[in-house]
């Protein structure tokens, strides 16, 4: 369904992205922010899913600044490699430039929402408070948000966490709720990574409920391009 496109950040850096477009009328656009596993099969499937719901969906390869063509699975060695790139090789200021480039690209399709998972969930939080040109945000199990509670979302934002997530204990979720009471924070009977059906922690019930809440958020906040033009 999708295709590879090339994006350019405002510092001139060029990097890859996966774009999925709806076959019928486009309702708007979604920036999909990857986990620590790169723009892999799951993230492409997430984009394809949003396209089936009528949205142009773009997943920027934000690891490209550190290493090109990163596409990992979910074995312990994949987790270690992905975490090493995310935590040790990326400059988040540059990553935010890359995400902004993705947002700018998507504006041809209409209003833009941001949706992200794990590492991308934390970046979704940063986008909600710092990015330009987005209308809403939905972040899934974003580790590290408690270290960025000085960021206040400028757009309607919802967060999703699992109550069995050892990476993000409920005590951390409660800190987020206390610091940002206007942010809708949803807790599911699920583990970390519950949205990914390639992982043992996948929960169909939690994934479906979180997706419906996200689709409701999109329907309330984003609209298509007036021209109806795509690429």
C-alpha atoms as a PDB file:
ATOM      1  CA  UNK A   1       0.000   0.000   0.000  1.00  0.00           C
ATOM      2  CA  UNK A   2       2.764   2.434   0.892  1.00  0.00           C
ATOM      3  CA  UNK A   3       5.918   3.816  -0.678  1.00  0.00           C
ATOM      4  CA  UNK A   4       9.256   5.275   0.338  1.00  0.00           C
ATOM      5  CA  UNK A   5       9.682   9.039   0.142  1.00  0.00           C
ATOM      6  CA  UNK A   6      12.619  11.308   0.888  1.00  0.00           C
ATOM      7  CA  UNK A   7      12.319  14.102   3.435  1.00  0.00           C
ATOM      8  CA  UNK A   8      14.628  17.062   4.040  1.00  0.00           C
ATOM      9  CA  UNK A   9      15.006  18.701   7.449  1.00  0.00           C
ATOM     10  CA  UNK A  10      15.604  22.435   7.720  1.00  0.00           C
ATOM     11  CA  UNK A  11      19.343  21.850   8.243  1.00  0.00           C
ATOM     12  CA  UNK A  12      19.531  20.099   4.870  1.00  0.00           C
ATOM     13  CA  UNK A  13      19.668  16.523   6.173  1.00  0.00           C
ATOM     14  CA  UNK A  14      17.876  14.046   3.911  1.00  0.00           C
ATOM     15  CA  UNK A  15      16.270  10.908   5.287  1.00  0.00           C
ATOM     16  CA  UNK A  16      13.775   8.215   4.375  1.00  0.00           C
ATOM     17  CA  UNK A  17      10.135   7.886   5.342  1.00  0.00           C
ATOM     18  CA  UNK A  18       7.325   5.444   4.632  1.00  0.00           C
ATOM     19  CA  UNK A  19       4.114   6.984   3.279  1.00  0.00           C
ATOM     20  CA  UNK A  20       0.735   5.240   3.060  1.00  0.00           C
ATOM     21  CA  UNK A  21      -2.126   7.078   1.350  1.00  0.00           C
ATOM     22  CA  UNK A  22      -5.847   6.307   1.452  1.00  0.00           C
ATOM     23  CA  UNK A  23      -7.463   4.978  -1.691  1.00  0.00           C
ATOM     24  CA  UNK A  24     -10.609   7.067  -1.147  1.00  0.00           C
ATOM     25  CA  UNK A  25     -11.010  10.675  -0.024  1.00  0.00           C
ATOM     26  CA  UNK A  26      -8.314  11.776   2.406  1.00  0.00           C
ATOM     27  CA  UNK A  27      -9.495  12.953   5.841  1.00  0.00           C
ATOM     28  CA  UNK A  28      -6.182  14.475   6.915  1.00  0.00           C
ATOM     29  CA  UNK A  29      -2.778  13.182   7.937  1.00  0.00           C
ATOM     30  CA  UNK A  30      -1.011  11.268  10.696  1.00  0.00           C
ATOM     31  CA  UNK A  31       2.684  11.387  11.557  1.00  0.00           C
ATOM     32  CA  UNK A  32       3.555   7.935  12.927  1.00  0.00           C
ATOM     33  CA  UNK A  33       6.631   7.903  15.168  1.00  0.00           C
ATOM     34  CA  UNK A  34       8.527   4.630  15.396  1.00  0.00           C
ATOM     35  CA  UNK A  35       9.595   2.577  18.382  1.00  0.00           C
ATOM     36  CA  UNK A  36      13.270   1.801  18.997  1.00  0.00           C
ATOM     37  CA  UNK A  37      13.021  -0.873  16.300  1.00  0.00           C
ATOM     38  CA  UNK A  38      13.097   1.495  13.333  1.00  0.00           C
ATOM     39  CA  UNK A  39      10.523   1.791  10.582  1.00  0.00           C
ATOM     40  CA  UNK A  40       9.954  -1.953  10.527  1.00  0.00           C
ATOM     41  CA  UNK A  41       7.129  -4.130   9.274  1.00  0.00           C
ATOM     42  CA  UNK A  42       4.892  -3.275  12.232  1.00  0.00           C
ATOM     43  CA  UNK A  43       5.280   0.483  11.808  1.00  0.00           C
ATOM     44  CA  UNK A  44       4.555   0.177   8.092  1.00  0.00           C
ATOM     45  CA  UNK A  45       1.440  -1.827   8.978  1.00  0.00           C
ATOM     46  CA  UNK A  46       0.378   0.919  11.408  1.00  0.00           C
ATOM     47  CA  UNK A  47       0.673   3.461   8.590  1.00  0.00           C
ATOM     48  CA  UNK A  48      -1.272   1.177   6.253  1.00  0.00           C
ATOM     49  CA  UNK A  49      -3.974   0.876   8.911  1.00  0.00           C
ATOM     50  CA  UNK A  50      -4.410   4.627   9.211  1.00  0.00           C
ATOM     51  CA  UNK A  51      -4.545   4.846   5.426  1.00  0.00           C
ATOM     52  CA  UNK A  52      -7.400   2.336   5.410  1.00  0.00           C
ATOM     53  CA  UNK A  53      -9.189   4.639   7.874  1.00  0.00           C
ATOM     54  CA  UNK A  54      -8.802   7.497   5.407  1.00  0.00           C
ATOM     55  CA  UNK A  55      -5.631   9.264   6.575  1.00  0.00           C
ATOM     56  CA  UNK A  56      -2.318   9.831   4.848  1.00  0.00           C
ATOM     57  CA  UNK A  57       0.221   8.318   7.258  1.00  0.00           C
ATOM     58  CA  UNK A  58       3.957   8.969   7.269  1.00  0.00           C
ATOM     59  CA  UNK A  59       6.649   7.243   9.362  1.00  0.00           C
ATOM     60  CA  UNK A  60       9.983   9.104   9.239  1.00  0.00           C
ATOM     61  CA  UNK A  61      13.114   6.992   9.649  1.00  0.00           C
ATOM     62  CA  UNK A  62      14.419   9.029  12.561  1.00  0.00           C
ATOM     63  CA  UNK A  63      17.361   6.662  13.128  1.00  0.00           C
ATOM     64  CA  UNK A  64      18.813   7.684   9.739  1.00  0.00           C
ATOM     65  CA  UNK A  65      20.964  10.373  11.352  1.00  0.00           C
ATOM     66  CA  UNK A  66      22.738   7.649  13.329  1.00  0.00           C
ATOM     67  CA  UNK A  67      22.428   4.654  11.038  1.00  0.00           C
ATOM     68  CA  UNK A  68      20.580   4.108   7.760  1.00  0.00           C
ATOM     69  CA  UNK A  69      18.027   1.365   7.109  1.00  0.00           C
ATOM     70  CA  UNK A  70      17.540   0.249  10.714  1.00  0.00           C
ATOM     71  CA  UNK A  71      14.764  -2.334  10.819  1.00  0.00           C
ATOM     72  CA  UNK A  72      14.759  -4.568  13.889  1.00  0.00           C
ATOM     73  CA  UNK A  73      12.716  -7.371  15.384  1.00  0.00           C
ATOM     74  CA  UNK A  74      11.898  -7.931  19.057  1.00  0.00           C
ATOM     75  CA  UNK A  75      14.591 -10.293  20.319  1.00  0.00           C
ATOM     76  CA  UNK A  76      16.773  -9.193  23.246  1.00  0.00           C
ATOM     77  CA  UNK A  77      19.626  -8.299  20.900  1.00  0.00           C
ATOM     78  CA  UNK A  78      17.246  -6.151  18.817  1.00  0.00           C
ATOM     79  CA  UNK A  79      16.050  -4.336  21.914  1.00  0.00           C
ATOM     80  CA  UNK A  80      19.645  -3.709  23.020  1.00  0.00           C
ATOM     81  CA  UNK A  81      20.662  -2.379  19.601  1.00  0.00           C
ATOM     82  CA  UNK A  82      17.610  -0.163  19.240  1.00  0.00           C
ATOM     83  CA  UNK A  83      17.988   1.244  22.735  1.00  0.00           C
ATOM     84  CA  UNK A  84      21.666   1.980  22.114  1.00  0.00           C
ATOM     85  CA  UNK A  85      20.784   4.010  19.024  1.00  0.00           C
ATOM     86  CA  UNK A  86      17.896   5.862  20.662  1.00  0.00           C
ATOM     87  CA  UNK A  87      19.721   6.683  23.882  1.00  0.00           C
ATOM     88  CA  UNK A  88      23.312   6.988  22.730  1.00  0.00           C
ATOM     89  CA  UNK A  89      23.458   8.062  19.100  1.00  0.00           C
ATOM     90  CA  UNK A  90      20.574  10.485  18.564  1.00  0.00           C
ATOM     91  CA  UNK A  91      20.517  14.200  19.258  1.00  0.00           C
ATOM     92  CA  UNK A  92      16.883  14.852  20.183  1.00  0.00           C
ATOM     93  CA  UNK A  93      17.079  18.426  18.919  1.00  0.00           C
ATOM     94  CA  UNK A  94      17.929  17.055  15.484  1.00  0.00           C
ATOM     95  CA  UNK A  95      15.288  14.342  15.823  1.00  0.00           C
ATOM     96  CA  UNK A  96      12.699  17.052  16.420  1.00  0.00           C
ATOM     97  CA  UNK A  97      13.855  18.763  13.220  1.00  0.00           C
ATOM     98  CA  UNK A  98      13.262  15.500  11.361  1.00  0.00           C
ATOM     99  CA  UNK A  99       9.796  15.094  12.860  1.00  0.00           C
ATOM    100  CA  UNK A 100       8.971  18.679  11.947  1.00  0.00           C
ATOM    101  CA  UNK A 101      10.015  17.910   8.369  1.00  0.00           C
ATOM    102  CA  UNK A 102       7.544  15.036   8.382  1.00  0.00           C
ATOM    103  CA  UNK A 103       4.779  17.281   9.707  1.00  0.00           C
ATOM    104  CA  UNK A 104       5.536  19.896   7.059  1.00  0.00           C
ATOM    105  CA  UNK A 105       5.394  17.250   4.316  1.00  0.00           C
ATOM    106  CA  UNK A 106       2.042  15.956   5.526  1.00  0.00           C
ATOM    107  CA  UNK A 107       0.364  19.355   5.510  1.00  0.00           C
ATOM    108  CA  UNK A 108      -0.353  18.914   1.805  1.00  0.00           C
ATOM    109  CA  UNK A 109      -2.970  16.352   2.875  1.00  0.00           C
ATOM    110  CA  UNK A 110      -4.661  18.585   5.453  1.00  0.00           C
ATOM    111  CA  UNK A 111      -4.423  18.896   9.228  1.00  0.00           C
ATOM    112  CA  UNK A 112      -1.794  16.747  10.915  1.00  0.00           C
ATOM    113  CA  UNK A 113      -1.978  14.533  14.012  1.00  0.00           C
ATOM    114  CA  UNK A 114       0.947  12.803  15.701  1.00  0.00           C
ATOM    115  CA  UNK A 115       0.810   9.206  16.929  1.00  0.00           C
ATOM    116  CA  UNK A 116       3.811   7.420  18.443  1.00  0.00           C
ATOM    117  CA  UNK A 117       4.777   4.226  20.225  1.00  0.00           C
ATOM    118  CA  UNK A 118       7.309   3.542  23.019  1.00  0.00           C
ATOM    119  CA  UNK A 119      10.279   5.825  22.162  1.00  0.00           C
ATOM    120  CA  UNK A 120       7.896   7.403  19.675  1.00  0.00           C
ATOM    121  CA  UNK A 121       5.352   7.868  22.458  1.00  0.00           C
ATOM    122  CA  UNK A 122       7.793  10.087  24.320  1.00  0.00           C
ATOM    123  CA  UNK A 123       8.566  11.978  21.106  1.00  0.00           C
ATOM    124  CA  UNK A 124       4.830  12.407  20.564  1.00  0.00           C
ATOM    125  CA  UNK A 125       4.712  14.135  23.949  1.00  0.00           C
ATOM    126  CA  UNK A 126       7.504  16.483  22.879  1.00  0.00           C
ATOM    127  CA  UNK A 127       5.747  17.179  19.577  1.00  0.00           C
ATOM    128  CA  UNK A 128       2.502  17.994  21.404  1.00  0.00           C
ATOM    129  CA  UNK A 129       4.309  20.756  23.270  1.00  0.00           C
ATOM    130  CA  UNK A 130       6.965  21.881  20.812  1.00  0.00           C
ATOM    131  CA  UNK A 131       6.152  21.030  17.191  1.00  0.00           C
ATOM    132  CA  UNK A 132       4.511  23.476  14.812  1.00  0.00           C
ATOM    133  CA  UNK A 133       1.491  22.711  12.658  1.00  0.00           C
ATOM    134  CA  UNK A 134      -0.145  19.786  14.458  1.00  0.00           C
ATOM    135  CA  UNK A 135      -3.722  19.586  15.731  1.00  0.00           C
ATOM    136  CA  UNK A 136      -3.666  16.663  18.185  1.00  0.00           C
ATOM    137  CA  UNK A 137      -1.474  13.868  19.538  1.00  0.00           C
ATOM    138  CA  UNK A 138      -1.854  10.286  20.772  1.00  0.00           C
ATOM    139  CA  UNK A 139       1.096   8.699  22.566  1.00  0.00           C
ATOM    140  CA  UNK A 140       1.392   5.022  23.414  1.00  0.00           C
ATOM    141  CA  UNK A 141       3.469   3.821  26.402  1.00  0.00           C
ATOM    142  CA  UNK A 142       6.008   6.594  26.115  1.00  0.00           C
ATOM    143  CA  UNK A 143       8.880   5.971  28.477  1.00  0.00           C
ATOM    144  CA  UNK A 144      10.638   9.112  29.653  1.00  0.00           C
ATOM    145  CA  UNK A 145       7.622  11.411  29.728  1.00  0.00           C
ATOM    146  CA  UNK A 146       8.113  11.859  33.477  1.00  0.00           C
ATOM    147  CA  UNK A 147      11.501  13.443  32.677  1.00  0.00           C
ATOM    148  CA  UNK A 148       9.735  15.955  30.404  1.00  0.00           C
ATOM    149  CA  UNK A 149       6.781  17.057  32.508  1.00  0.00           C
ATOM    150  CA  UNK A 150       7.805  20.672  32.032  1.00  0.00           C
ATOM    151  CA  UNK A 151       6.494  20.231  28.483  1.00  0.00           C
ATOM    152  CA  UNK A 152       2.821  21.179  28.293  1.00  0.00           C
ATOM    153  CA  UNK A 153       0.852  20.011  25.244  1.00  0.00           C
ATOM    154  CA  UNK A 154      -0.444  22.839  23.067  1.00  0.00           C
ATOM    155  CA  UNK A 155      -2.954  20.569  21.328  1.00  0.00           C
ATOM    156  CA  UNK A 156      -5.501  17.959  22.492  1.00  0.00           C
ATOM    157  CA  UNK A 157      -3.407  15.001  23.665  1.00  0.00           C
ATOM    158  CA  UNK A 158      -4.196  11.498  24.887  1.00  0.00           C
ATOM    159  CA  UNK A 159      -1.830   8.927  26.369  1.00  0.00           C
ATOM    160  CA  UNK A 160      -2.099   5.139  26.617  1.00  0.00           C
ATOM    161  CA  UNK A 161      -0.383   2.904  29.180  1.00  0.00           C
ATOM    162  CA  UNK A 162      -0.604  -0.719  30.269  1.00  0.00           C
ATOM    163  CA  UNK A 163      -1.080  -1.543  33.945  1.00  0.00           C
ATOM    164  CA  UNK A 164       1.373  -4.465  33.659  1.00  0.00           C
ATOM    165  CA  UNK A 165       4.139  -2.411  32.053  1.00  0.00           C
ATOM    166  CA  UNK A 166       7.309  -2.916  34.092  1.00  0.00           C
ATOM    167  CA  UNK A 167       9.071  -0.260  31.985  1.00  0.00           C
ATOM    168  CA  UNK A 168       6.555   2.423  32.965  1.00  0.00           C
ATOM    169  CA  UNK A 169       5.139   1.650  36.431  1.00  0.00           C
ATOM    170  CA  UNK A 170       1.759   3.073  37.375  1.00  0.00           C
ATOM    171  CA  UNK A 171       3.544   5.369  39.829  1.00  0.00           C
ATOM    172  CA  UNK A 172       5.073   7.143  36.809  1.00  0.00           C
ATOM    173  CA  UNK A 173       1.728   7.280  35.040  1.00  0.00           C
ATOM    174  CA  UNK A 174       0.216   8.858  38.128  1.00  0.00           C
ATOM    175  CA  UNK A 175       2.957  11.519  38.103  1.00  0.00           C
ATOM    176  CA  UNK A 176       1.949  12.416  34.558  1.00  0.00           C
ATOM    177  CA  UNK A 177      -1.722  12.587  35.522  1.00  0.00           C
ATOM    178  CA  UNK A 178      -0.950  14.814  38.521  1.00  0.00           C
ATOM    179  CA  UNK A 179       1.332  17.152  36.564  1.00  0.00           C
ATOM    180  CA  UNK A 180      -0.868  17.385  33.455  1.00  0.00           C
ATOM    181  CA  UNK A 181      -4.475  16.837  34.564  1.00  0.00           C
ATOM    182  CA  UNK A 182      -5.871  18.170  31.285  1.00  0.00           C
ATOM    183  CA  UNK A 183      -4.222  15.363  29.321  1.00  0.00           C
ATOM    184  CA  UNK A 184      -6.470  12.315  28.913  1.00  0.00           C
ATOM    185  CA  UNK A 185      -4.457   9.391  30.280  1.00  0.00           C
ATOM    186  CA  UNK A 186      -5.877   5.924  29.641  1.00  0.00           C
ATOM    187  CA  UNK A 187      -4.762   2.772  31.425  1.00  0.00           C
ATOM    188  CA  UNK A 188      -5.375  -0.684  29.943  1.00  0.00           C
ATOM    189  CA  UNK A 189      -5.149  -4.225  31.270  1.00  0.00           C
ATOM    190  CA  UNK A 190      -2.037  -4.787  29.202  1.00  0.00           C
ATOM    191  CA  UNK A 191       1.757  -4.866  29.079  1.00  0.00           C
ATOM    192  CA  UNK A 192       4.292  -2.674  27.309  1.00  0.00           C
ATOM    193  CA  UNK A 193       3.975  -2.849  23.528  1.00  0.00           C
ATOM    194  CA  UNK A 194       0.343  -3.953  23.659  1.00  0.00           C
ATOM    195  CA  UNK A 195      -0.403  -2.376  20.287  1.00  0.00           C
ATOM    196  CA  UNK A 196       2.109  -4.508  18.377  1.00  0.00           C
ATOM    197  CA  UNK A 197       0.727  -7.812  17.120  1.00  0.00           C
ATOM    198  CA  UNK A 198       4.282  -8.985  16.343  1.00  0.00           C
ATOM    199  CA  UNK A 199       5.067  -9.161  20.073  1.00  0.00           C
ATOM    200  CA  UNK A 200       4.053 -11.567  22.817  1.00  0.00           C
ATOM    201  CA  UNK A 201       2.754  -8.584  24.823  1.00  0.00           C
ATOM    202  CA  UNK A 202       0.121  -7.778  22.192  1.00  0.00           C
ATOM    203  CA  UNK A 203      -3.384  -7.266  23.549  1.00  0.00           C
ATOM    204  CA  UNK A 204      -6.079  -7.172  20.893  1.00  0.00           C
ATOM    205  CA  UNK A 205      -8.639  -5.677  23.277  1.00  0.00           C
ATOM    206  CA  UNK A 206      -6.341  -2.899  24.475  1.00  0.00           C
ATOM    207  CA  UNK A 207      -5.044  -2.187  20.963  1.00  0.00           C
ATOM    208  CA  UNK A 208      -8.541  -1.901  19.542  1.00  0.00           C
ATOM    209  CA  UNK A 209      -9.771   0.354  22.337  1.00  0.00           C
ATOM    210  CA  UNK A 210      -6.731   2.620  22.103  1.00  0.00           C
ATOM    211  CA  UNK A 211      -7.082   2.808  18.323  1.00  0.00           C
ATOM    212  CA  UNK A 212     -10.742   3.762  18.590  1.00  0.00           C
ATOM    213  CA  UNK A 213      -9.913   6.507  21.070  1.00  0.00           C
ATOM    214  CA  UNK A 214      -7.210   7.747  18.708  1.00  0.00           C
ATOM    215  CA  UNK A 215      -9.537   7.675  15.701  1.00  0.00           C
ATOM    216  CA  UNK A 216     -12.128   9.615  17.719  1.00  0.00           C
ATOM    217  CA  UNK A 217      -9.437  12.196  18.553  1.00  0.00           C
ATOM    218  CA  UNK A 218      -8.542  12.518  14.873  1.00  0.00           C
ATOM    219  CA  UNK A 219     -12.166  12.866  13.812  1.00  0.00           C
ATOM    220  CA  UNK A 220     -12.655  15.682  16.314  1.00  0.00           C
ATOM    221  CA  UNK A 221      -9.529  17.632  15.462  1.00  0.00           C
ATOM    222  CA  UNK A 222      -8.230  17.209  11.927  1.00  0.00           C
ATOM    223  CA  UNK A 223      -9.658  18.019   8.527  1.00  0.00           C
ATOM    224  CA  UNK A 224      -8.547  17.376   4.940  1.00  0.00           C
ATOM    225  CA  UNK A 225      -6.771  19.818   2.680  1.00  0.00           C
ATOM    226  CA  UNK A 226      -9.134  22.352   1.127  1.00  0.00           C
ATOM    227  CA  UNK A 227      -7.651  21.554  -2.259  1.00  0.00           C
ATOM    228  CA  UNK A 228      -7.874  17.812  -1.715  1.00  0.00           C
ATOM    229  CA  UNK A 229      -4.428  17.540  -3.276  1.00  0.00           C
ATOM    230  CA  UNK A 230      -1.963  14.848  -2.404  1.00  0.00           C
ATOM    231  CA  UNK A 231       1.201  13.808  -4.175  1.00  0.00           C
END
